[in-house]
Amino acid sequence: MGRAIALGVPLVAIAEIVVFVLVGTGIGYGWALLAVLAASFLGMMLLRREGMRAWRGFIAAANAGQHPGERVIDGIVGLGAGVLLTVPGFLTALAGLLLLTPPARSVARRGVQRWTERRVSAAVAGDLFGPRKVKVQRGAPDTDDAIEGEIV
């Protein structure tokens, strides 16, 4: 994971510079700079709003005796969108705006929840997200996978 980040950050920076130059030559560098600054300002406002919303949702779920994990993850995804918008550049702003759409937000929430469940113990995951749902199929067990012998 560390290697991917170490490789990804410079690649994103180079891509952002290329896109900025292309947009700047198309609409003018002043307008391009203004658009990047507007996206960053929007990101800062979104960070504040999503942070407060996530905190209120967490407190409300905890006070109601519900599992706060879904509200926390929704807040994390919203904060991620805000961070992407705050980082100067068109590509990160586009990714942040995309993360604000309901379909992308839903996919991101599921991904963050799976990532979290893999990295914490089952007890912590149960406290955060509630009991896990298991799909059960009825029928005879597969004999190839069955262990033969006596159970002690």
N, C-alpha and C. Protein backbone atom coordinates (compact mmCIF):
# COMPACT_ATOMS: atom_id res chain seq x y z
N MET A 1 0.84 -1.19 0.00
CA MET A 1 0.00 0.00 0.00
C MET A 1 0.88 1.25 0.00
N GLY A 2 1.95 1.22 0.77
CA GLY A 2 2.86 2.36 0.83
C GLY A 2 3.52 2.63 -0.50
N ARG A 3 3.87 1.56 -1.21
CA ARG A 3 4.49 1.73 -2.53
C ARG A 3 3.51 2.34 -3.52
N ALA A 4 2.26 1.92 -3.45
CA ALA A 4 1.26 2.46 -4.36
C ALA A 4 1.08 3.96 -4.13
N ILE A 5 1.09 4.37 -2.87
CA ILE A 5 0.95 5.79 -2.56
C ILE A 5 2.20 6.54 -3.01
N ALA A 6 3.37 5.96 -2.74
CA ALA A 6 4.61 6.62 -3.14
C ALA A 6 4.71 6.77 -4.65
N LEU A 7 4.15 5.86 -5.39
CA LEU A 7 4.16 5.96 -6.85
C LEU A 7 2.99 6.80 -7.35
N GLY A 8 1.85 6.71 -6.69
CA GLY A 8 0.65 7.40 -7.14
C GLY A 8 0.69 8.90 -6.97
N VAL A 9 1.25 9.39 -5.88
CA VAL A 9 1.26 10.83 -5.62
C VAL A 9 2.02 11.60 -6.71
N PRO A 10 3.24 11.19 -7.08
CA PRO A 10 3.90 11.93 -8.16
C PRO A 10 3.18 11.81 -9.51
N LEU A 11 2.59 10.64 -9.77
CA LEU A 11 1.86 10.48 -11.03
C LEU A 11 0.63 11.38 -11.09
N VAL A 12 -0.08 11.48 -9.97
CA VAL A 12 -1.24 12.38 -9.92
C VAL A 12 -0.79 13.83 -10.07
N ALA A 13 0.31 14.19 -9.45
CA ALA A 13 0.82 15.57 -9.56
C ALA A 13 1.18 15.90 -11.01
N ILE A 14 1.85 14.98 -11.69
CA ILE A 14 2.21 15.20 -13.09
C ILE A 14 0.95 15.31 -13.95
N ALA A 15 -0.01 14.42 -13.71
CA ALA A 15 -1.26 14.46 -14.47
C ALA A 15 -2.00 15.77 -14.23
N GLU A 16 -2.00 16.24 -12.98
CA GLU A 16 -2.67 17.51 -12.67
C GLU A 16 -2.01 18.67 -13.40
N ILE A 17 -0.69 18.68 -13.47
CA ILE A 17 0.02 19.76 -14.18
C ILE A 17 -0.32 19.73 -15.66
N VAL A 18 -0.32 18.52 -16.24
CA VAL A 18 -0.65 18.40 -17.68
C VAL A 18 -2.07 18.88 -17.94
N VAL A 19 -3.03 18.47 -17.12
CA VAL A 19 -4.41 18.88 -17.31
C VAL A 19 -4.55 20.39 -17.11
N PHE A 20 -3.85 20.94 -16.12
CA PHE A 20 -3.93 22.40 -15.89
C PHE A 20 -3.42 23.15 -17.11
N VAL A 21 -2.31 22.70 -17.68
CA VAL A 21 -1.76 23.37 -18.87
C VAL A 21 -2.73 23.25 -20.03
N LEU A 22 -3.33 22.08 -20.21
CA LEU A 22 -4.30 21.91 -21.30
C LEU A 22 -5.53 22.80 -21.11
N VAL A 23 -6.05 22.82 -19.90
CA VAL A 23 -7.22 23.67 -19.62
C VAL A 23 -6.82 25.14 -19.74
N GLY A 24 -5.64 25.49 -19.24
CA GLY A 24 -5.17 26.87 -19.32
C GLY A 24 -5.01 27.37 -20.74
N THR A 25 -4.51 26.51 -21.61
CA THR A 25 -4.39 26.93 -23.01
C THR A 25 -5.76 27.02 -23.67
N GLY A 26 -6.71 26.25 -23.18
CA GLY A 26 -8.06 26.26 -23.77
C GLY A 26 -8.89 27.44 -23.33
N ILE A 27 -8.90 27.74 -22.03
CA ILE A 27 -9.78 28.82 -21.54
C ILE A 27 -9.00 30.01 -20.99
N GLY A 28 -7.71 29.89 -20.92
CA GLY A 28 -6.88 30.95 -20.36
C GLY A 28 -6.43 30.57 -18.96
N TYR A 29 -5.18 30.94 -18.64
CA TYR A 29 -4.61 30.53 -17.36
C TYR A 29 -5.26 31.22 -16.16
N GLY A 30 -5.73 32.44 -16.36
CA GLY A 30 -6.41 33.14 -15.27
C GLY A 30 -7.71 32.44 -14.89
N TRP A 31 -8.49 32.06 -15.91
CA TRP A 31 -9.74 31.35 -15.65
C TRP A 31 -9.48 29.97 -15.06
N ALA A 32 -8.44 29.31 -15.54
CA ALA A 32 -8.10 27.98 -15.02
C ALA A 32 -7.71 28.09 -13.55
N LEU A 33 -6.91 29.10 -13.21
CA LEU A 33 -6.52 29.29 -11.82
C LEU A 33 -7.73 29.63 -10.96
N LEU A 34 -8.63 30.45 -11.48
CA LEU A 34 -9.84 30.80 -10.75
C LEU A 34 -10.71 29.55 -10.51
N ALA A 35 -10.81 28.67 -11.50
CA ALA A 35 -11.59 27.45 -11.35
C ALA A 35 -10.98 26.53 -10.29
N VAL A 36 -9.66 26.43 -10.27
CA VAL A 36 -8.99 25.59 -9.26
C VAL A 36 -9.21 26.17 -7.86
N LEU A 37 -9.10 27.49 -7.74
CA LEU A 37 -9.32 28.13 -6.44
C LEU A 37 -10.77 27.98 -5.98
N ALA A 38 -11.72 28.08 -6.90
CA ALA A 38 -13.14 27.90 -6.55
C ALA A 38 -13.40 26.48 -6.08
N ALA A 39 -12.81 25.50 -6.75
CA ALA A 39 -12.99 24.10 -6.34
C ALA A 39 -12.38 23.88 -4.96
N SER A 40 -11.23 24.48 -4.69
CA SER A 40 -10.61 24.33 -3.37
C SER A 40 -11.46 24.98 -2.28
N PHE A 41 -12.02 26.13 -2.58
CA PHE A 41 -12.90 26.80 -1.61
C PHE A 41 -14.14 25.94 -1.35
N LEU A 42 -14.73 25.39 -2.41
CA LEU A 42 -15.87 24.49 -2.26
C LEU A 42 -15.49 23.28 -1.41
N GLY A 43 -14.29 22.77 -1.62
CA GLY A 43 -13.81 21.63 -0.82
C GLY A 43 -13.69 21.97 0.65
N MET A 44 -13.20 23.15 0.96
CA MET A 44 -13.09 23.56 2.37
C MET A 44 -14.46 23.68 3.02
N MET A 45 -15.42 24.23 2.28
CA MET A 45 -16.78 24.34 2.82
C MET A 45 -17.38 22.95 3.03
N LEU A 46 -17.12 22.06 2.09
CA LEU A 46 -17.64 20.70 2.19
C LEU A 46 -17.01 19.95 3.36
N LEU A 47 -15.73 20.16 3.58
CA LEU A 47 -15.06 19.52 4.72
C LEU A 47 -15.72 19.93 6.03
N ARG A 48 -16.01 21.19 6.17
CA ARG A 48 -16.65 21.67 7.39
C ARG A 48 -18.04 21.06 7.55
N ARG A 49 -18.83 21.10 6.47
CA ARG A 49 -20.19 20.58 6.53
C ARG A 49 -20.22 19.07 6.79
N GLU A 50 -19.43 18.32 6.06
CA GLU A 50 -19.42 16.87 6.21
C GLU A 50 -18.85 16.45 7.56
N GLY A 51 -17.86 17.17 8.04
CA GLY A 51 -17.30 16.85 9.35
C GLY A 51 -18.33 17.03 10.45
N MET A 52 -19.05 18.12 10.41
CA MET A 52 -20.08 18.36 11.42
C MET A 52 -21.23 17.36 11.28
N ARG A 53 -21.60 17.05 10.04
CA ARG A 53 -22.68 16.09 9.82
C ARG A 53 -22.29 14.70 10.30
N ALA A 54 -21.05 14.31 10.05
CA ALA A 54 -20.58 12.99 10.50
C ALA A 54 -20.56 12.92 12.02
N TRP A 55 -20.10 13.98 12.66
CA TRP A 55 -20.03 13.98 14.12
C TRP A 55 -21.44 13.92 14.73
N ARG A 56 -22.37 14.72 14.18
CA ARG A 56 -23.74 14.69 14.69
C ARG A 56 -24.39 13.33 14.47
N GLY A 57 -24.14 12.72 13.33
CA GLY A 57 -24.69 11.40 13.05
C GLY A 57 -24.14 10.34 13.98
N PHE A 58 -22.85 10.44 14.28
CA PHE A 58 -22.23 9.49 15.20
C PHE A 58 -22.83 9.63 16.60
N ILE A 59 -22.96 10.86 17.07
CA ILE A 59 -23.52 11.10 18.40
C ILE A 59 -24.98 10.65 18.45
N ALA A 60 -25.76 10.94 17.41
CA ALA A 60 -27.17 10.53 17.39
C ALA A 60 -27.30 9.02 17.41
N ALA A 61 -26.47 8.32 16.64
CA ALA A 61 -26.53 6.85 16.62
C ALA A 61 -26.11 6.28 17.96
N ALA A 62 -25.07 6.84 18.55
CA ALA A 62 -24.61 6.35 19.85
C ALA A 62 -25.67 6.59 20.93
N ASN A 63 -26.30 7.75 20.91
CA ASN A 63 -27.33 8.05 21.90
C ASN A 63 -28.58 7.18 21.72
N ALA A 64 -28.87 6.80 20.47
CA ALA A 64 -30.04 5.97 20.19
C ALA A 64 -29.75 4.49 20.40
N GLY A 65 -28.52 4.15 20.71
CA GLY A 65 -28.15 2.76 20.92
C GLY A 65 -28.01 1.98 19.62
N GLN A 66 -27.83 2.68 18.52
CA GLN A 66 -27.65 2.03 17.22
C GLN A 66 -26.16 1.86 16.94
N HIS A 67 -25.87 1.06 15.91
CA HIS A 67 -24.48 0.88 15.50
C HIS A 67 -24.06 2.09 14.67
N PRO A 68 -23.01 2.81 15.07
CA PRO A 68 -22.66 4.06 14.40
C PRO A 68 -21.81 3.89 13.14
N GLY A 69 -21.43 2.68 12.80
CA GLY A 69 -20.48 2.47 11.71
C GLY A 69 -20.92 3.04 10.38
N GLU A 70 -22.18 2.84 10.01
CA GLU A 70 -22.64 3.33 8.70
C GLU A 70 -22.60 4.85 8.63
N ARG A 71 -22.96 5.50 9.72
CA ARG A 71 -22.91 6.97 9.72
C ARG A 71 -21.47 7.47 9.69
N VAL A 72 -20.59 6.76 10.39
CA VAL A 72 -19.18 7.15 10.40
C VAL A 72 -18.59 6.98 9.00
N ILE A 73 -18.91 5.87 8.35
CA ILE A 73 -18.37 5.64 7.01
C ILE A 73 -18.94 6.64 6.01
N ASP A 74 -20.20 6.99 6.14
CA ASP A 74 -20.76 8.01 5.27
C ASP A 74 -20.02 9.33 5.47
N GLY A 75 -19.70 9.65 6.71
CA GLY A 75 -18.94 10.86 6.99
C GLY A 75 -17.53 10.79 6.43
N ILE A 76 -16.90 9.63 6.49
CA ILE A 76 -15.55 9.48 5.95
C ILE A 76 -15.57 9.68 4.44
N VAL A 77 -16.57 9.13 3.77
CA VAL A 77 -16.66 9.30 2.32
C VAL A 77 -16.90 10.77 1.98
N GLY A 78 -17.75 11.46 2.73
CA GLY A 78 -17.97 12.88 2.50
C GLY A 78 -16.72 13.70 2.76
N LEU A 79 -15.99 13.34 3.81
CA LEU A 79 -14.74 14.04 4.09
C LEU A 79 -13.72 13.78 2.99
N GLY A 80 -13.70 12.55 2.47
CA GLY A 80 -12.80 12.23 1.35
C GLY A 80 -13.11 13.07 0.13
N ALA A 81 -14.40 13.27 -0.15
CA ALA A 81 -14.79 14.13 -1.27
C ALA A 81 -14.32 15.56 -1.03
N GLY A 82 -14.46 16.03 0.20
CA GLY A 82 -14.00 17.37 0.54
C GLY A 82 -12.50 17.52 0.40
N VAL A 83 -11.76 16.52 0.84
CA VAL A 83 -10.29 16.57 0.71
C VAL A 83 -9.90 16.59 -0.75
N LEU A 84 -10.53 15.74 -1.56
CA LEU A 84 -10.21 15.72 -2.99
C LEU A 84 -10.52 17.06 -3.65
N LEU A 85 -11.60 17.70 -3.23
CA LEU A 85 -11.91 19.02 -3.79
C LEU A 85 -10.94 20.09 -3.30
N THR A 86 -10.46 19.94 -2.08
CA THR A 86 -9.56 20.95 -1.52
C THR A 86 -8.18 20.90 -2.17
N VAL A 87 -7.72 19.72 -2.54
CA VAL A 87 -6.42 19.59 -3.20
C VAL A 87 -6.49 20.32 -4.54
N PRO A 88 -5.56 21.23 -4.81
CA PRO A 88 -5.63 21.98 -6.06
C PRO A 88 -5.43 21.08 -7.28
N GLY A 89 -6.34 21.20 -8.23
CA GLY A 89 -6.22 20.45 -9.47
C GLY A 89 -7.57 20.04 -10.00
N PHE A 90 -7.62 19.85 -11.31
CA PHE A 90 -8.88 19.50 -11.95
C PHE A 90 -9.24 18.03 -11.77
N LEU A 91 -8.26 17.15 -11.82
CA LEU A 91 -8.56 15.72 -11.70
C LEU A 91 -9.05 15.36 -10.30
N THR A 92 -8.39 15.90 -9.28
CA THR A 92 -8.84 15.61 -7.92
C THR A 92 -10.19 16.26 -7.65
N ALA A 93 -10.43 17.45 -8.23
CA ALA A 93 -11.74 18.09 -8.06
C ALA A 93 -12.83 17.26 -8.75
N LEU A 94 -12.53 16.72 -9.91
CA LEU A 94 -13.50 15.88 -10.60
C LEU A 94 -13.78 14.61 -9.79
N ALA A 95 -12.73 14.02 -9.21
CA ALA A 95 -12.93 12.83 -8.37
C ALA A 95 -13.76 13.18 -7.14
N GLY A 96 -13.52 14.33 -6.54
CA GLY A 96 -14.31 14.77 -5.38
C GLY A 96 -15.76 15.02 -5.73
N LEU A 97 -16.00 15.65 -6.86
CA LEU A 97 -17.38 15.89 -7.30
C LEU A 97 -18.08 14.56 -7.62
N LEU A 98 -17.35 13.65 -8.23
CA LEU A 98 -17.92 12.34 -8.54
C LEU A 98 -18.30 11.61 -7.26
N LEU A 99 -17.48 11.76 -6.22
CA LEU A 99 -17.74 11.10 -4.95
C LEU A 99 -18.96 11.69 -4.24
N LEU A 100 -19.43 12.83 -4.67
CA LEU A 100 -20.63 13.42 -4.09
C LEU A 100 -21.91 12.87 -4.71
N THR A 101 -21.80 12.19 -5.85
CA THR A 101 -22.99 11.63 -6.48
C THR A 101 -23.41 10.37 -5.73
N PRO A 102 -24.71 10.13 -5.61
CA PRO A 102 -25.17 8.97 -4.83
C PRO A 102 -24.63 7.61 -5.29
N PRO A 103 -24.55 7.31 -6.60
CA PRO A 103 -24.02 5.99 -6.97
C PRO A 103 -22.56 5.79 -6.55
N ALA A 104 -21.73 6.80 -6.80
CA ALA A 104 -20.32 6.68 -6.44
C ALA A 104 -20.16 6.66 -4.93
N ARG A 105 -20.96 7.41 -4.24
CA ARG A 105 -20.89 7.44 -2.78
C ARG A 105 -21.27 6.09 -2.19
N SER A 106 -22.26 5.44 -2.77
CA SER A 106 -22.68 4.12 -2.31
C SER A 106 -21.57 3.09 -2.52
N VAL A 107 -20.94 3.11 -3.68
CA VAL A 107 -19.84 2.19 -3.96
C VAL A 107 -18.68 2.46 -3.00
N ALA A 108 -18.37 3.73 -2.77
CA ALA A 108 -17.28 4.07 -1.86
C ALA A 108 -17.58 3.63 -0.43
N ARG A 109 -18.83 3.80 0.01
CA ARG A 109 -19.21 3.36 1.36
C ARG A 109 -19.00 1.87 1.53
N ARG A 110 -19.47 1.10 0.55
CA ARG A 110 -19.29 -0.36 0.64
C ARG A 110 -17.81 -0.73 0.66
N GLY A 111 -17.01 -0.05 -0.15
CA GLY A 111 -15.58 -0.34 -0.18
C GLY A 111 -14.90 -0.01 1.14
N VAL A 112 -15.24 1.15 1.72
CA VAL A 112 -14.65 1.54 3.00
C VAL A 112 -15.09 0.58 4.11
N GLN A 113 -16.35 0.15 4.07
CA GLN A 113 -16.82 -0.79 5.10
C GLN A 113 -16.10 -2.12 4.99
N ARG A 114 -15.97 -2.65 3.76
CA ARG A 114 -15.24 -3.92 3.60
C ARG A 114 -13.80 -3.77 4.04
N TRP A 115 -13.17 -2.66 3.68
CA TRP A 115 -11.77 -2.43 4.07
C TRP A 115 -11.65 -2.39 5.59
N THR A 116 -12.60 -1.73 6.24
CA THR A 116 -12.58 -1.62 7.70
C THR A 116 -12.82 -2.98 8.34
N GLU A 117 -13.79 -3.73 7.84
CA GLU A 117 -14.10 -5.04 8.42
C GLU A 117 -12.93 -6.00 8.31
N ARG A 118 -12.13 -5.88 7.26
CA ARG A 118 -10.96 -6.76 7.12
C ARG A 118 -9.83 -6.40 8.08
N ARG A 119 -9.80 -5.18 8.55
CA ARG A 119 -8.68 -4.72 9.36
C ARG A 119 -8.96 -4.65 10.86
N VAL A 120 -10.20 -4.86 11.26
CA VAL A 120 -10.52 -4.85 12.69
C VAL A 120 -11.04 -6.22 13.08
N SER A 121 -11.06 -6.47 14.36
CA SER A 121 -11.55 -7.77 14.84
C SER A 121 -13.05 -7.89 14.58
N ALA A 122 -13.54 -9.12 14.63
CA ALA A 122 -14.96 -9.36 14.39
C ALA A 122 -15.81 -8.66 15.45
N ALA A 123 -15.31 -8.61 16.68
CA ALA A 123 -16.08 -7.96 17.75
C ALA A 123 -16.20 -6.45 17.49
N VAL A 124 -15.12 -5.82 17.07
CA VAL A 124 -15.16 -4.39 16.78
C VAL A 124 -16.05 -4.13 15.57
N ALA A 125 -15.94 -4.97 14.54
CA ALA A 125 -16.78 -4.81 13.36
C ALA A 125 -18.25 -4.97 13.74
N GLY A 126 -18.56 -5.90 14.63
CA GLY A 126 -19.94 -6.07 15.08
C GLY A 126 -20.44 -4.88 15.85
N ASP A 127 -19.56 -4.28 16.67
CA ASP A 127 -19.96 -3.08 17.41
C ASP A 127 -20.20 -1.90 16.47
N LEU A 128 -19.40 -1.80 15.42
CA LEU A 128 -19.54 -0.69 14.49
C LEU A 128 -20.73 -0.85 13.54
N PHE A 129 -20.84 -2.03 12.93
CA PHE A 129 -21.79 -2.22 11.84
C PHE A 129 -22.94 -3.15 12.18
N GLY A 130 -22.95 -3.70 13.36
CA GLY A 130 -24.00 -4.65 13.72
C GLY A 130 -23.61 -6.05 13.31
N PRO A 131 -24.47 -7.00 13.59
CA PRO A 131 -24.13 -8.38 13.25
C PRO A 131 -23.98 -8.55 11.75
N ARG A 132 -23.06 -9.41 11.39
CA ARG A 132 -22.82 -9.66 9.97
C ARG A 132 -23.93 -10.52 9.40
N LYS A 133 -24.23 -10.29 8.16
CA LYS A 133 -25.23 -11.08 7.46
C LYS A 133 -24.51 -12.17 6.68
N VAL A 134 -25.00 -13.38 6.83
CA VAL A 134 -24.38 -14.52 6.17
C VAL A 134 -25.41 -15.15 5.25
N LYS A 135 -25.01 -15.43 4.02
CA LYS A 135 -25.90 -16.11 3.09
C LYS A 135 -25.79 -17.61 3.33
N VAL A 136 -26.93 -18.24 3.48
CA VAL A 136 -26.97 -19.68 3.74
C VAL A 136 -27.70 -20.34 2.58
N GLN A 137 -27.10 -21.41 2.08
CA GLN A 137 -27.75 -22.18 1.02
C GLN A 137 -28.18 -23.52 1.59
N ARG A 138 -29.38 -23.87 1.28
CA ARG A 138 -29.88 -25.16 1.74
C ARG A 138 -29.49 -26.22 0.73
N GLY A 139 -29.36 -27.42 1.24
CA GLY A 139 -29.03 -28.54 0.36
C GLY A 139 -27.94 -29.39 0.96
N ALA A 140 -27.60 -30.41 0.26
CA ALA A 140 -26.55 -31.33 0.73
C ALA A 140 -25.20 -30.65 0.61
N PRO A 141 -24.34 -30.87 1.60
CA PRO A 141 -23.00 -30.28 1.50
C PRO A 141 -22.21 -30.92 0.38
N ASP A 142 -21.28 -30.19 -0.13
CA ASP A 142 -20.41 -30.69 -1.18
C ASP A 142 -19.49 -31.76 -0.58
N THR A 143 -19.51 -32.96 -1.11
CA THR A 143 -18.75 -34.07 -0.51
C THR A 143 -17.25 -33.92 -0.71
N ASP A 144 -16.83 -33.15 -1.71
CA ASP A 144 -15.39 -32.97 -1.93
C ASP A 144 -14.76 -32.16 -0.81
N ASP A 145 -15.53 -31.24 -0.24
CA ASP A 145 -15.00 -30.39 0.81
C ASP A 145 -15.21 -30.97 2.21
N ALA A 146 -16.00 -32.01 2.33
CA ALA A 146 -16.30 -32.58 3.64
C ALA A 146 -15.08 -33.30 4.19
N ILE A 147 -14.89 -33.18 5.47
CA ILE A 147 -13.78 -33.84 6.14
C ILE A 147 -14.31 -35.15 6.68
N GLU A 148 -13.66 -36.21 6.28
CA GLU A 148 -14.08 -37.53 6.75
C GLU A 148 -13.33 -37.87 8.02
N GLY A 149 -13.94 -38.61 8.87
CA GLY A 149 -13.28 -39.04 10.10
C GLY A 149 -14.12 -38.70 11.30
N GLU A 150 -13.58 -39.01 12.41
CA GLU A 150 -14.30 -38.81 13.65
C GLU A 150 -13.89 -37.50 14.27
N ILE A 151 -14.85 -36.74 14.74
CA ILE A 151 -14.57 -35.46 15.40
C ILE A 151 -14.44 -35.74 16.89
N VAL A 152 -13.37 -35.26 17.45
CA VAL A 152 -13.11 -35.48 18.87
C VAL A 152 -13.47 -34.27 19.66
